[in-house]
């Protein structure tokens, strides 16, 4: 007759903690997979990417390396070198320059 007895509270707590730990690991693995987004790390950008940058940068009021890196999936160092190159070409104008950050604006800014 009897059957299974009810588990003790501590045993149920242990099982719950184990389940939570497994769920947490699964969530962390999913986050890692999402973060593995490819970023362009080569300082030499393809010509089509440069043309796309030039078109979109004319619509942005204030351009920093962070803005460029986040919008186009570039690394910060690459973004800085791209901005310097665009400044040398005469597309961008440096407004403020500090030891760590430079702020640029397009030479011919078109407000939307």
N, C-alpha and C. Protein backbone atom coordinates (compact mmCIF):
# COMPACT_ATOMS: atom_id res chain seq x y z
N UNK A 1 0.84 -1.17 0.00
CA UNK A 1 0.00 0.00 0.00
C UNK A 1 0.89 1.24 0.00
N UNK A 2 1.30 1.76 0.84
CA UNK A 2 2.18 2.89 1.05
C UNK A 2 2.38 3.81 -0.14
N UNK A 3 3.24 3.44 -1.06
CA UNK A 3 3.56 4.31 -2.19
C UNK A 3 4.73 5.22 -1.84
N UNK A 4 4.97 6.15 -2.73
CA UNK A 4 6.09 7.07 -2.51
C UNK A 4 5.75 8.05 -1.41
N UNK A 5 6.77 8.36 -0.63
CA UNK A 5 6.58 9.37 0.42
C UNK A 5 6.96 10.73 -0.14
N UNK A 6 6.42 11.73 0.45
CA UNK A 6 6.70 13.10 0.03
C UNK A 6 8.15 13.43 0.38
N UNK A 7 8.85 14.12 -0.57
CA UNK A 7 10.24 14.49 -0.33
C UNK A 7 10.30 15.57 0.74
N UNK A 8 11.43 15.58 1.43
CA UNK A 8 11.62 16.61 2.47
C UNK A 8 11.82 17.97 1.82
N UNK A 9 11.63 19.00 2.60
CA UNK A 9 11.75 20.37 2.08
C UNK A 9 13.16 20.65 1.58
N UNK A 10 14.15 20.19 2.30
CA UNK A 10 15.53 20.45 1.87
C UNK A 10 15.84 19.75 0.55
N UNK A 11 15.30 18.55 0.36
CA UNK A 11 15.53 17.83 -0.90
C UNK A 11 14.86 18.57 -2.06
N UNK A 12 13.67 19.10 -1.82
CA UNK A 12 12.96 19.85 -2.86
C UNK A 12 13.71 21.15 -3.17
N UNK A 13 14.28 21.80 -2.16
CA UNK A 13 15.04 23.03 -2.37
C UNK A 13 16.28 22.76 -3.22
N UNK A 14 16.96 21.65 -2.92
CA UNK A 14 18.15 21.29 -3.69
C UNK A 14 17.80 21.07 -5.15
N UNK A 15 16.71 20.37 -5.42
CA UNK A 15 16.30 20.13 -6.80
C UNK A 15 15.94 21.43 -7.50
N UNK A 16 15.29 22.33 -6.79
CA UNK A 16 14.92 23.62 -7.37
C UNK A 16 16.16 24.44 -7.72
N UNK A 17 17.15 24.42 -6.82
CA UNK A 17 18.40 25.15 -7.08
C UNK A 17 19.11 24.58 -8.30
N UNK A 18 19.14 23.25 -8.42
CA UNK A 18 19.78 22.62 -9.57
C UNK A 18 19.09 23.03 -10.87
N UNK A 19 17.75 23.03 -10.86
CA UNK A 19 17.00 23.44 -12.05
C UNK A 19 17.31 24.89 -12.42
N UNK A 20 17.36 25.76 -11.41
CA UNK A 20 17.65 27.17 -11.67
C UNK A 20 19.05 27.35 -12.23
N UNK A 21 20.01 26.60 -11.72
CA UNK A 21 21.40 26.69 -12.21
C UNK A 21 21.47 26.26 -13.67
N UNK A 22 20.75 25.18 -14.03
CA UNK A 22 20.76 24.72 -15.42
C UNK A 22 20.13 25.76 -16.34
N UNK A 23 19.02 26.36 -15.91
CA UNK A 23 18.37 27.38 -16.71
C UNK A 23 19.27 28.60 -16.89
N UNK A 24 19.99 28.95 -15.83
CA UNK A 24 20.89 30.10 -15.88
C UNK A 24 22.03 29.86 -16.88
N UNK A 25 22.57 28.62 -16.87
CA UNK A 25 23.64 28.29 -17.81
C UNK A 25 23.15 28.36 -19.24
N UNK A 26 21.95 27.89 -19.49
CA UNK A 26 21.38 27.93 -20.84
C UNK A 26 21.21 29.38 -21.30
N UNK A 27 20.73 30.24 -20.41
CA UNK A 27 20.56 31.65 -20.76
C UNK A 27 21.90 32.31 -21.06
N UNK A 28 22.93 32.00 -20.27
CA UNK A 28 24.26 32.58 -20.49
C UNK A 28 24.83 32.13 -21.84
N UNK A 29 24.60 30.86 -22.20
CA UNK A 29 25.09 30.37 -23.48
C UNK A 29 24.39 31.08 -24.64
N UNK A 30 23.09 31.34 -24.49
CA UNK A 30 22.36 32.05 -25.54
C UNK A 30 22.88 33.46 -25.68
N UNK A 31 23.19 34.13 -24.56
CA UNK A 31 23.72 35.49 -24.61
C UNK A 31 25.08 35.51 -25.31
N UNK A 32 25.92 34.52 -25.02
CA UNK A 32 27.24 34.46 -25.65
C UNK A 32 27.11 34.30 -27.15
N UNK A 33 26.15 33.47 -27.59
CA UNK A 33 25.96 33.26 -29.02
C UNK A 33 25.49 34.54 -29.69
N UNK A 34 24.63 35.32 -29.02
CA UNK A 34 24.15 36.57 -29.58
C UNK A 34 25.26 37.60 -29.67
N UNK A 35 26.18 37.59 -28.70
CA UNK A 35 27.26 38.58 -28.68
C UNK A 35 28.33 38.30 -29.72
N UNK A 36 28.37 37.12 -30.29
CA UNK A 36 29.42 36.75 -31.22
C UNK A 36 29.19 37.35 -32.61
N UNK A 37 28.58 38.53 -32.64
CA UNK A 37 28.34 39.21 -33.89
C UNK A 37 29.67 39.65 -34.48
N UNK A 38 29.86 39.40 -35.76
CA UNK A 38 31.12 39.73 -36.41
C UNK A 38 31.26 41.23 -36.56
N UNK A 39 32.42 41.74 -36.22
CA UNK A 39 32.74 43.14 -36.40
C UNK A 39 33.90 43.23 -37.39
N UNK A 40 33.89 44.27 -38.17
CA UNK A 40 34.95 44.46 -39.15
C UNK A 40 36.19 44.93 -38.40
N UNK A 41 37.27 44.19 -38.54
CA UNK A 41 38.48 44.52 -37.81
C UNK A 41 39.62 44.94 -38.73
N UNK A 42 39.41 44.82 -40.01
CA UNK A 42 40.46 45.19 -40.96
C UNK A 42 40.44 46.70 -41.19
N UNK A 43 41.60 47.35 -41.13
CA UNK A 43 41.62 48.79 -41.36
C UNK A 43 41.31 49.15 -42.81
N UNK A 44 41.43 48.19 -43.74
CA UNK A 44 41.10 48.44 -45.13
C UNK A 44 39.66 48.01 -45.38
N UNK A 45 38.78 48.98 -45.57
CA UNK A 45 37.36 48.68 -45.77
C UNK A 45 37.07 48.51 -47.25
N UNK A 46 36.10 47.67 -47.57
CA UNK A 46 35.69 47.53 -48.98
C UNK A 46 35.12 48.86 -49.50
N UNK A 47 35.22 49.08 -50.79
CA UNK A 47 34.80 50.34 -51.40
C UNK A 47 33.31 50.60 -51.20
N UNK A 48 32.50 49.55 -51.27
CA UNK A 48 31.05 49.72 -51.10
C UNK A 48 30.70 50.17 -49.69
N UNK A 49 31.45 49.70 -48.68
CA UNK A 49 31.22 50.11 -47.30
C UNK A 49 31.58 51.58 -47.12
N UNK A 50 32.66 52.01 -47.75
CA UNK A 50 33.10 53.41 -47.65
C UNK A 50 32.05 54.33 -48.28
N UNK A 51 31.49 53.93 -49.43
CA UNK A 51 30.46 54.76 -50.07
C UNK A 51 29.21 54.83 -49.21
N UNK A 52 28.84 53.72 -48.60
CA UNK A 52 27.68 53.70 -47.71
C UNK A 52 27.94 54.61 -46.50
N UNK A 53 29.15 54.57 -45.96
CA UNK A 53 29.51 55.45 -44.85
C UNK A 53 29.38 56.92 -45.24
N UNK A 54 29.91 57.28 -46.41
CA UNK A 54 29.86 58.67 -46.85
C UNK A 54 28.42 59.15 -46.99
N UNK A 55 27.54 58.30 -47.54
CA UNK A 55 26.14 58.70 -47.71
C UNK A 55 25.43 58.89 -46.38
N UNK A 56 25.65 58.00 -45.46
CA UNK A 56 24.94 58.07 -44.18
C UNK A 56 25.54 59.10 -43.24
N UNK A 57 26.82 59.36 -43.34
CA UNK A 57 27.45 60.32 -42.44
C UNK A 57 27.01 61.75 -42.73
N UNK A 58 26.56 62.02 -43.95
CA UNK A 58 26.09 63.37 -44.28
C UNK A 58 24.81 63.71 -43.53
N UNK A 59 24.08 62.71 -43.04
CA UNK A 59 22.82 62.95 -42.34
C UNK A 59 22.99 63.02 -40.82
N UNK A 60 24.18 62.71 -40.33
CA UNK A 60 24.43 62.70 -38.89
C UNK A 60 25.05 64.03 -38.48
N UNK A 61 24.51 64.61 -37.43
CA UNK A 61 24.97 65.92 -36.99
C UNK A 61 26.34 65.86 -36.33
N UNK A 62 26.53 64.89 -35.45
CA UNK A 62 27.75 64.77 -34.67
C UNK A 62 28.26 63.33 -34.80
N UNK A 63 29.50 63.16 -35.19
CA UNK A 63 30.05 61.83 -35.43
C UNK A 63 31.23 61.59 -34.51
N UNK A 64 31.18 60.51 -33.76
CA UNK A 64 32.28 60.08 -32.91
C UNK A 64 32.66 58.66 -33.31
N UNK A 65 33.81 58.18 -32.88
CA UNK A 65 34.17 56.80 -33.20
C UNK A 65 33.14 55.78 -32.68
N UNK A 66 32.54 56.07 -31.52
CA UNK A 66 31.55 55.16 -30.97
C UNK A 66 30.32 55.07 -31.86
N UNK A 67 29.86 56.21 -32.36
CA UNK A 67 28.69 56.21 -33.25
C UNK A 67 28.97 55.37 -34.49
N UNK A 68 30.12 55.58 -35.06
CA UNK A 68 30.51 54.85 -36.26
C UNK A 68 30.62 53.35 -35.99
N UNK A 69 31.24 53.00 -34.86
CA UNK A 69 31.43 51.59 -34.52
C UNK A 69 30.10 50.89 -34.26
N UNK A 70 29.20 51.55 -33.56
CA UNK A 70 27.93 50.91 -33.22
C UNK A 70 27.00 50.80 -34.42
N UNK A 71 26.99 51.79 -35.30
CA UNK A 71 26.08 51.75 -36.45
C UNK A 71 26.53 50.79 -37.53
N UNK A 72 27.83 50.69 -37.76
CA UNK A 72 28.32 49.92 -38.89
C UNK A 72 29.04 48.65 -38.49
N UNK A 73 29.08 48.32 -37.21
CA UNK A 73 29.70 47.08 -36.77
C UNK A 73 31.21 47.07 -36.93
N UNK A 74 31.85 48.19 -36.65
CA UNK A 74 33.30 48.29 -36.74
C UNK A 74 33.90 48.23 -35.34
N UNK A 75 35.17 47.89 -35.27
CA UNK A 75 35.88 48.01 -34.00
C UNK A 75 36.26 49.46 -33.81
N UNK A 76 36.50 49.85 -32.56
CA UNK A 76 36.78 51.26 -32.25
C UNK A 76 38.02 51.78 -32.96
N UNK A 77 39.08 50.98 -32.98
CA UNK A 77 40.31 51.40 -33.65
C UNK A 77 40.10 51.62 -35.14
N UNK A 78 39.32 50.74 -35.76
CA UNK A 78 39.02 50.87 -37.18
C UNK A 78 38.17 52.12 -37.41
N UNK A 79 37.21 52.34 -36.52
CA UNK A 79 36.35 53.52 -36.65
C UNK A 79 37.17 54.80 -36.56
N UNK A 80 38.14 54.84 -35.65
CA UNK A 80 38.99 56.03 -35.52
C UNK A 80 39.81 56.25 -36.79
N UNK A 81 40.37 55.18 -37.34
CA UNK A 81 41.18 55.33 -38.55
C UNK A 81 40.32 55.72 -39.75
N UNK A 82 39.09 55.22 -39.82
CA UNK A 82 38.18 55.60 -40.90
C UNK A 82 37.84 57.08 -40.81
N UNK A 83 37.57 57.55 -39.60
CA UNK A 83 37.25 58.97 -39.42
C UNK A 83 38.43 59.86 -39.81
N UNK A 84 39.63 59.45 -39.44
CA UNK A 84 40.82 60.23 -39.82
C UNK A 84 40.98 60.26 -41.34
N UNK A 85 40.73 59.12 -41.97
CA UNK A 85 40.84 59.03 -43.43
C UNK A 85 39.80 59.92 -44.11
N UNK A 86 38.57 59.91 -43.60
CA UNK A 86 37.52 60.75 -44.17
C UNK A 86 37.81 62.23 -43.94
N UNK A 87 38.48 62.54 -42.84
CA UNK A 87 38.88 63.93 -42.59
C UNK A 87 39.95 64.35 -43.60
N UNK A 88 40.89 63.45 -43.87
CA UNK A 88 41.95 63.76 -44.84
C UNK A 88 41.38 63.96 -46.25
N UNK A 89 40.31 63.23 -46.58
CA UNK A 89 39.68 63.36 -47.89
C UNK A 89 38.85 64.64 -48.00
N UNK A 90 38.53 65.26 -46.87
CA UNK A 90 37.75 66.48 -46.89
C UNK A 90 36.25 66.26 -46.76
N UNK A 91 35.84 65.05 -46.39
CA UNK A 91 34.42 64.74 -46.23
C UNK A 91 33.94 65.17 -44.86
N UNK A 92 34.80 65.00 -43.84
CA UNK A 92 34.46 65.36 -42.48
C UNK A 92 35.36 66.50 -42.00
N UNK A 93 34.87 67.20 -40.98
CA UNK A 93 35.64 68.28 -40.37
C UNK A 93 35.72 68.00 -38.87
N UNK A 94 36.91 68.08 -38.30
CA UNK A 94 37.08 67.83 -36.88
C UNK A 94 36.66 69.08 -36.11
N UNK A 95 35.70 68.92 -35.20
CA UNK A 95 35.17 70.03 -34.42
C UNK A 95 35.90 70.13 -33.08
N UNK A 96 36.07 68.99 -32.42
CA UNK A 96 36.75 68.97 -31.12
C UNK A 96 37.61 67.72 -31.05
N UNK A 97 38.80 67.91 -30.49
CA UNK A 97 39.71 66.77 -30.38
C UNK A 97 40.30 66.78 -28.98
N UNK A 98 40.17 65.63 -28.29
CA UNK A 98 40.77 65.48 -26.98
C UNK A 98 41.82 64.38 -27.04
N UNK A 99 42.28 63.97 -25.88
CA UNK A 99 43.30 62.93 -25.86
C UNK A 99 42.73 61.57 -26.24
N UNK A 100 41.45 61.35 -25.97
CA UNK A 100 40.84 60.05 -26.25
C UNK A 100 39.80 60.06 -27.35
N UNK A 101 39.13 61.17 -27.55
CA UNK A 101 38.00 61.20 -28.47
C UNK A 101 38.08 62.40 -29.39
N UNK A 102 37.60 62.21 -30.59
CA UNK A 102 37.50 63.29 -31.56
C UNK A 102 36.05 63.36 -32.02
N UNK A 103 35.56 64.57 -32.21
CA UNK A 103 34.18 64.79 -32.65
C UNK A 103 34.23 65.42 -34.03
N UNK A 104 33.49 64.84 -34.96
CA UNK A 104 33.50 65.29 -36.34
C UNK A 104 32.09 65.70 -36.76
N UNK A 105 32.03 66.54 -37.78
CA UNK A 105 30.78 66.87 -38.46
C UNK A 105 31.03 66.81 -39.95
N UNK A 106 30.01 66.51 -40.74
CA UNK A 106 30.20 66.53 -42.20
C UNK A 106 30.43 67.95 -42.69
N UNK A 107 31.22 68.09 -43.74
CA UNK A 107 31.50 69.41 -44.28
C UNK A 107 30.22 70.02 -44.83
N UNK A 108 29.44 69.23 -45.56
CA UNK A 108 28.17 69.71 -46.09
C UNK A 108 27.04 68.97 -45.39
N UNK A 109 26.68 69.44 -44.19
CA UNK A 109 25.64 68.78 -43.36
C UNK A 109 24.27 69.05 -43.95
N UNK A 110 23.48 67.96 -44.15
CA UNK A 110 22.12 68.07 -44.66
C UNK A 110 21.18 67.66 -43.53
N UNK A 111 20.42 68.62 -42.98
CA UNK A 111 19.50 68.29 -41.90
C UNK A 111 18.19 67.76 -42.48
N UNK A 112 17.65 66.73 -41.82
CA UNK A 112 16.42 66.12 -42.30
C UNK A 112 15.21 66.75 -41.70
